[in-house]
Amino acid sequence: MPNEALARRYATAIFQLASEAGEVEGIGSDLHTFVATLAADEDVNRFFRSPAVDRAEKAAVIAGAFDRLHEIALHAILLLVARSRL
């Protein structure tokens, strides 16, 4: 499963950054909040999963709506958007 291996690499990198910052629980909570937000509304989920919506537009919406997330969590999410891995 190449997607699983790739997801594991991203997760490992995020965990290492969170560990170094001493913010594992906070960053984990922020990532769960983001995922829960996507899951809670089908229109929001469809917007972020749509290949027709430009990545820059998705990133702008995330940066504006989730600006209170920990910097590591926010940048990880924006990286996933930039690489079409959301």
Protein backbone atom coordinates (compact mmCIF):
# COMPACT_ATOMS: atom_id res chain seq x y z
CA MET A 1 0.00 0.00 0.00
CA PRO A 2 1.97 2.99 -1.22
CA ASN A 3 -0.51 5.52 0.24
CA GLU A 4 -0.18 3.95 3.67
CA ALA A 5 3.62 4.10 3.50
CA LEU A 6 3.49 7.72 2.40
CA ALA A 7 1.01 8.61 5.15
CA ARG A 8 3.29 6.93 7.69
CA ARG A 9 6.24 9.08 6.54
CA TYR A 10 4.23 12.30 6.90
CA ALA A 11 2.90 11.19 10.30
CA THR A 12 6.39 10.30 11.51
CA ALA A 13 7.79 13.66 10.44
CA ILE A 14 4.94 15.57 12.07
CA PHE A 15 5.32 13.55 15.26
CA GLN A 16 9.06 14.25 15.38
CA LEU A 17 8.50 17.98 14.96
CA ALA A 18 5.78 17.93 17.62
CA SER A 19 8.05 15.97 19.98
CA GLU A 20 10.90 18.41 19.50
CA ALA A 21 8.53 21.28 20.25
CA GLY A 22 7.11 19.48 23.29
CA GLU A 23 3.62 19.83 21.81
CA VAL A 24 2.61 16.29 20.82
CA GLU A 25 -0.81 16.44 22.49
CA GLY A 26 -1.62 19.97 21.33
CA ILE A 27 -0.60 19.38 17.74
CA GLY A 28 -2.39 16.03 17.70
CA SER A 29 -5.51 17.74 19.00
CA ASP A 30 -5.24 20.45 16.34
CA LEU A 31 -4.93 17.86 13.58
CA HIS A 32 -7.94 15.97 14.94
CA THR A 33 -9.90 19.22 15.03
CA PHE A 34 -9.11 19.85 11.38
CA VAL A 35 -10.12 16.32 10.35
CA ALA A 36 -13.32 16.52 12.41
CA THR A 37 -14.20 19.80 10.73
CA LEU A 38 -13.83 18.22 7.30
CA ALA A 39 -15.90 15.21 8.36
CA ALA A 40 -18.66 17.29 9.96
CA ASP A 41 -19.84 19.00 6.78
CA GLU A 42 -20.14 17.24 3.44
CA ASP A 43 -19.86 20.51 1.48
CA VAL A 44 -16.63 21.42 3.26
CA ASN A 45 -15.28 17.92 2.69
CA ARG A 46 -16.21 18.05 -1.00
CA PHE A 47 -14.54 21.47 -1.40
CA PHE A 48 -11.22 20.24 -0.01
CA ARG A 49 -11.26 16.95 -1.89
CA SER A 50 -12.25 18.45 -5.23
CA PRO A 51 -9.49 18.46 -7.86
CA ALA A 52 -11.36 21.32 -9.57
CA VAL A 53 -10.58 23.69 -6.69
CA ASP A 54 -7.12 25.22 -6.97
CA ARG A 55 -4.63 24.26 -4.25
CA ALA A 56 -3.85 27.92 -3.59
CA GLU A 57 -7.53 28.58 -2.92
CA LYS A 58 -7.71 25.63 -0.53
CA ALA A 59 -4.57 26.83 1.25
CA ALA A 60 -5.97 30.35 1.60
CA VAL A 61 -9.21 29.04 3.11
CA ILE A 62 -7.30 26.83 5.54
CA ALA A 63 -4.88 29.58 6.53
CA GLY A 64 -7.78 31.92 7.26
CA ALA A 65 -10.14 29.48 8.95
CA PHE A 66 -7.55 27.58 10.98
CA ASP A 67 -5.11 30.34 11.88
CA ARG A 68 -5.35 29.42 15.58
CA LEU A 69 -3.87 25.97 15.05
CA HIS A 70 -0.35 25.36 16.27
CA GLU A 71 2.15 26.48 13.64
CA ILE A 72 3.41 22.92 13.06
CA ALA A 73 -0.12 21.56 12.56
CA LEU A 74 -1.07 24.38 10.22
CA HIS A 75 2.08 24.06 8.13
CA ALA A 76 1.68 20.29 7.95
CA ILE A 77 -1.87 20.69 6.65
CA LEU A 78 -0.78 23.34 4.15
CA LEU A 79 2.03 21.05 2.96
CA LEU A 80 -0.47 18.25 2.42
CA VAL A 81 -2.65 20.62 0.40
CA ALA A 82 0.30 21.84 -1.67
CA ARG A 83 1.23 18.26 -2.50
CA SER A 84 -2.38 17.14 -3.13
CA ARG A 85 -2.20 14.72 -0.22
CA LEU A 86 -5.13 16.04 1.82
